[in-house]
Amino acid sequence: MMAFTQNEKIFQPGFEKDNTSINGCVGFYGAYDIHSAFKKKTFHKPRAKLLKLVFGGTPDKLTNLYENLSPFHWSARNLPPCMLIQGESDSFISLNETKEMHKKIFAESNVDQVFLKVPLVEHAFDILGV
């Protein structure tokens, strides 16, 4: 998220005049389109339930909040070089969501990027050791 929102004042209260640019990013099993948990085609009940609890509502009621917190809704034009890492067996964030983010970055920017699909691993594989 930080890579997409560099120097965005709404994300740096009290530090609006500070330079918050970054030189690169690595996204581990990221939630790039938070809306997708609620869409009919990509509905994911556990994720939708968690997001509703954390955000205090659904995208229907809190559209701006969900859009502001979804990297997919931000321009990739000024993105630094990045690597997206996703487990192919992730049951919480779909591999397709990361593929779509990769396509968006490729279409909107000229940055070096890598999409690493890790076979046979679940969400949080680097933390849980699965």
C-alpha atoms as a PDB file:
ATOM      1  CA  MET A   1       0.000   0.000   0.000  1.00  0.00           C
ATOM      2  CA  MET A   2       2.835   2.396   0.869  1.00  0.00           C
ATOM      3  CA  ALA A   3       4.301   2.024  -2.620  1.00  0.00           C
ATOM      4  CA  PHE A   4       1.045   3.263  -4.184  1.00  0.00           C
ATOM      5  CA  THR A   5       0.441   6.102  -1.746  1.00  0.00           C
ATOM      6  CA  GLN A   6       3.840   7.765  -1.501  1.00  0.00           C
ATOM      7  CA  ASN A   7       3.512  11.372  -0.305  1.00  0.00           C
ATOM      8  CA  GLU A   8      -0.292  11.130  -0.100  1.00  0.00           C
ATOM      9  CA  LYS A   9      -1.275  13.587   2.629  1.00  0.00           C
ATOM     10  CA  ILE A  10      -4.280  11.567   3.840  1.00  0.00           C
ATOM     11  CA  PHE A  11      -1.921   8.779   4.929  1.00  0.00           C
ATOM     12  CA  GLN A  12       0.591  10.922   6.814  1.00  0.00           C
ATOM     13  CA  PRO A  13      -1.273  13.090   9.311  1.00  0.00           C
ATOM     14  CA  GLY A  14       1.161  15.306  11.155  1.00  0.00           C
ATOM     15  CA  PHE A  15       3.841  14.603   8.545  1.00  0.00           C
ATOM     16  CA  GLU A  16       2.183  16.120   5.478  1.00  0.00           C
ATOM     17  CA  LYS A  17       5.312  18.037   4.484  1.00  0.00           C
ATOM     18  CA  ASP A  18       7.675  15.076   4.902  1.00  0.00           C
ATOM     19  CA  ASN A  19       8.901  13.045   1.955  1.00  0.00           C
ATOM     20  CA  THR A  20       7.488   9.536   2.282  1.00  0.00           C
ATOM     21  CA  SER A  21       8.714   8.165  -1.026  1.00  0.00           C
ATOM     22  CA  ILE A  22      10.215   4.684  -1.107  1.00  0.00           C
ATOM     23  CA  ASN A  23      12.706   3.017  -3.439  1.00  0.00           C
ATOM     24  CA  GLY A  24      11.147  -0.413  -3.783  1.00  0.00           C
ATOM     25  CA  CYS A  25       8.543  -2.751  -2.385  1.00  0.00           C
ATOM     26  CA  VAL A  26       7.914  -6.414  -1.759  1.00  0.00           C
ATOM     27  CA  GLY A  27       4.307  -7.468  -1.376  1.00  0.00           C
ATOM     28  CA  PHE A  28       3.796 -10.743   0.491  1.00  0.00           C
ATOM     29  CA  TYR A  29       0.342 -12.276  -0.174  1.00  0.00           C
ATOM     30  CA  GLY A  30      -1.162  -8.799  -0.300  1.00  0.00           C
ATOM     31  CA  ALA A  31      -4.800  -7.801  -0.270  1.00  0.00           C
ATOM     32  CA  TYR A  32      -4.695  -5.620  -3.380  1.00  0.00           C
ATOM     33  CA  ASP A  33      -8.432  -5.347  -4.069  1.00  0.00           C
ATOM     34  CA  ILE A  34     -10.240  -5.380  -0.756  1.00  0.00           C
ATOM     35  CA  HIS A  35     -13.619  -5.150  -2.536  1.00  0.00           C
ATOM     36  CA  SER A  36     -13.060  -8.565  -4.106  1.00  0.00           C
ATOM     37  CA  ALA A  37     -14.004 -10.382  -0.894  1.00  0.00           C
ATOM     38  CA  PHE A  38     -17.555  -9.039  -1.317  1.00  0.00           C
ATOM     39  CA  LYS A  39     -18.030  -9.449  -5.083  1.00  0.00           C
ATOM     40  CA  LYS A  40     -20.322 -12.239  -6.226  1.00  0.00           C
ATOM     41  CA  LYS A  41     -17.719 -13.753  -8.562  1.00  0.00           C
ATOM     42  CA  THR A  42     -14.911 -13.716  -5.977  1.00  0.00           C
ATOM     43  CA  PHE A  43     -16.910 -13.817  -2.731  1.00  0.00           C
ATOM     44  CA  HIS A  44     -14.856 -15.055   0.230  1.00  0.00           C
ATOM     45  CA  LYS A  45     -16.955 -15.300   3.386  1.00  0.00           C
ATOM     46  CA  PRO A  46     -14.169 -15.481   6.032  1.00  0.00           C
ATOM     47  CA  ARG A  47     -12.298 -12.539   4.505  1.00  0.00           C
ATOM     48  CA  ALA A  48     -15.495 -10.497   4.047  1.00  0.00           C
ATOM     49  CA  LYS A  49     -16.485 -11.139   7.655  1.00  0.00           C
ATOM     50  CA  LEU A  50     -13.065 -10.021   8.921  1.00  0.00           C
ATOM     51  CA  LEU A  51     -13.053  -6.880   6.761  1.00  0.00           C
ATOM     52  CA  LYS A  52     -16.579  -5.957   7.832  1.00  0.00           C
ATOM     53  CA  LEU A  53     -15.536  -6.291  11.480  1.00  0.00           C
ATOM     54  CA  VAL A  54     -12.265  -4.347  11.086  1.00  0.00           C
ATOM     55  CA  PHE A  55     -13.675  -1.533   8.907  1.00  0.00           C
ATOM     56  CA  GLY A  56     -17.053  -1.341  10.614  1.00  0.00           C
ATOM     57  CA  GLY A  57     -19.089  -2.067   7.502  1.00  0.00           C
ATOM     58  CA  THR A  58     -19.122  -3.289   3.918  1.00  0.00           C
ATOM     59  CA  PRO A  59     -18.047  -1.554   0.685  1.00  0.00           C
ATOM     60  CA  ASP A  60     -21.713  -0.686   0.019  1.00  0.00           C
ATOM     61  CA  LYS A  61     -21.745   1.570   3.075  1.00  0.00           C
ATOM     62  CA  LEU A  62     -18.058   2.584   3.226  1.00  0.00           C
ATOM     63  CA  THR A  63     -17.104   2.886  -0.442  1.00  0.00           C
ATOM     64  CA  ASN A  64     -14.447   5.588  -0.010  1.00  0.00           C
ATOM     65  CA  LEU A  65     -12.736   3.769   2.844  1.00  0.00           C
ATOM     66  CA  TYR A  66     -12.510   0.500   0.903  1.00  0.00           C
ATOM     67  CA  GLU A  67     -11.253   2.265  -2.218  1.00  0.00           C
ATOM     68  CA  ASN A  68      -8.655   4.300  -0.320  1.00  0.00           C
ATOM     69  CA  LEU A  69      -7.328   1.136   1.333  1.00  0.00           C
ATOM     70  CA  SER A  70      -7.213  -0.970  -1.837  1.00  0.00           C
ATOM     71  CA  PRO A  71      -3.949  -0.586  -3.789  1.00  0.00           C
ATOM     72  CA  PHE A  72      -5.827  -1.686  -6.914  1.00  0.00           C
ATOM     73  CA  HIS A  73      -7.710   1.637  -6.867  1.00  0.00           C
ATOM     74  CA  TRP A  74      -4.524   3.725  -6.863  1.00  0.00           C
ATOM     75  CA  SER A  75      -2.435   4.540  -9.909  1.00  0.00           C
ATOM     76  CA  ALA A  76       0.727   2.503 -10.449  1.00  0.00           C
ATOM     77  CA  ARG A  77       2.339   5.295 -12.520  1.00  0.00           C
ATOM     78  CA  ASN A  78       4.800   6.353  -9.794  1.00  0.00           C
ATOM     79  CA  LEU A  79       5.382   2.918  -8.333  1.00  0.00           C
ATOM     80  CA  PRO A  80       8.981   1.967  -7.474  1.00  0.00           C
ATOM     81  CA  PRO A  81      10.379  -1.427  -8.566  1.00  0.00           C
ATOM     82  CA  CYS A  82       8.443  -4.179  -6.867  1.00  0.00           C
ATOM     83  CA  MET A  83       8.082  -7.887  -6.277  1.00  0.00           C
ATOM     84  CA  LEU A  84       4.741  -9.556  -5.561  1.00  0.00           C
ATOM     85  CA  ILE A  85       4.953 -12.899  -3.736  1.00  0.00           C
ATOM     86  CA  GLN A  86       1.921 -15.153  -3.529  1.00  0.00           C
ATOM     87  CA  GLY A  87       1.361 -18.722  -2.431  1.00  0.00           C
ATOM     88  CA  GLU A  88      -0.401 -20.759  -5.095  1.00  0.00           C
ATOM     89  CA  SER A  89      -2.473 -22.536  -2.416  1.00  0.00           C
ATOM     90  CA  ASP A  90      -3.420 -19.413  -0.428  1.00  0.00           C
ATOM     91  CA  SER A  91      -6.995 -19.832   0.787  1.00  0.00           C
ATOM     92  CA  PHE A  92      -7.303 -16.275   2.144  1.00  0.00           C
ATOM     93  CA  ILE A  93      -5.992 -14.113  -0.730  1.00  0.00           C
ATOM     94  CA  SER A  94      -6.574 -15.609  -4.155  1.00  0.00           C
ATOM     95  CA  LEU A  95      -3.710 -16.048  -6.558  1.00  0.00           C
ATOM     96  CA  ASN A  96      -5.908 -14.353  -9.152  1.00  0.00           C
ATOM     97  CA  GLU A  97      -6.042 -11.128  -7.084  1.00  0.00           C
ATOM     98  CA  THR A  98      -2.236 -10.923  -7.175  1.00  0.00           C
ATOM     99  CA  LYS A  99      -2.192 -11.766 -10.899  1.00  0.00           C
ATOM    100  CA  GLU A 100      -4.594  -8.883 -11.547  1.00  0.00           C
ATOM    101  CA  MET A 101      -2.409  -6.516  -9.517  1.00  0.00           C
ATOM    102  CA  HIS A 102       0.643  -7.641 -11.491  1.00  0.00           C
ATOM    103  CA  LYS A 103      -1.206  -6.958 -14.769  1.00  0.00           C
ATOM    104  CA  LYS A 104      -2.248  -3.507 -13.549  1.00  0.00           C
ATOM    105  CA  ILE A 105       1.326  -2.569 -12.614  1.00  0.00           C
ATOM    106  CA  PHE A 106       2.605  -3.840 -15.956  1.00  0.00           C
ATOM    107  CA  ALA A 107      -0.044  -1.852 -17.855  1.00  0.00           C
ATOM    108  CA  GLU A 108       0.384   1.422 -15.944  1.00  0.00           C
ATOM    109  CA  SER A 109       4.098   1.699 -15.246  1.00  0.00           C
ATOM    110  CA  ASN A 110       7.541   1.038 -16.637  1.00  0.00           C
ATOM    111  CA  VAL A 111       9.055  -0.226 -13.383  1.00  0.00           C
ATOM    112  CA  ASP A 112      10.948  -3.447 -12.967  1.00  0.00           C
ATOM    113  CA  GLN A 113       8.692  -5.979 -11.321  1.00  0.00           C
ATOM    114  CA  VAL A 114       8.642  -9.642 -10.451  1.00  0.00           C
ATOM    115  CA  PHE A 115       5.665 -11.858  -9.714  1.00  0.00           C
ATOM    116  CA  LEU A 116       6.773 -14.868  -7.681  1.00  0.00           C
ATOM    117  CA  LYS A 117       4.247 -17.685  -7.313  1.00  0.00           C
ATOM    118  CA  VAL A 118       5.299 -20.029  -4.521  1.00  0.00           C
ATOM    119  CA  PRO A 119       3.952 -23.547  -5.078  1.00  0.00           C
ATOM    120  CA  LEU A 120       2.123 -25.540  -2.411  1.00  0.00           C
ATOM    121  CA  VAL A 121       2.071 -22.854   0.286  1.00  0.00           C
ATOM    122  CA  GLU A 122      -0.737 -21.252   2.248  1.00  0.00           C
ATOM    123  CA  HIS A 123      -1.307 -17.666   3.415  1.00  0.00           C
ATOM    124  CA  ALA A 124       1.372 -16.367   5.830  1.00  0.00           C
ATOM    125  CA  PHE A 125       3.713 -19.178   4.802  1.00  0.00           C
ATOM    126  CA  ASP A 126       6.790 -17.169   5.775  1.00  0.00           C
ATOM    127  CA  ILE A 127       5.484 -16.619   9.316  1.00  0.00           C
ATOM    128  CA  LEU A 128       3.713 -19.889  10.008  1.00  0.00           C
ATOM    129  CA  GLY A 129       6.325 -22.081   8.381  1.00  0.00           C
ATOM    130  CA  VAL A 130       3.868 -24.015   6.269  1.00  0.00           C
END
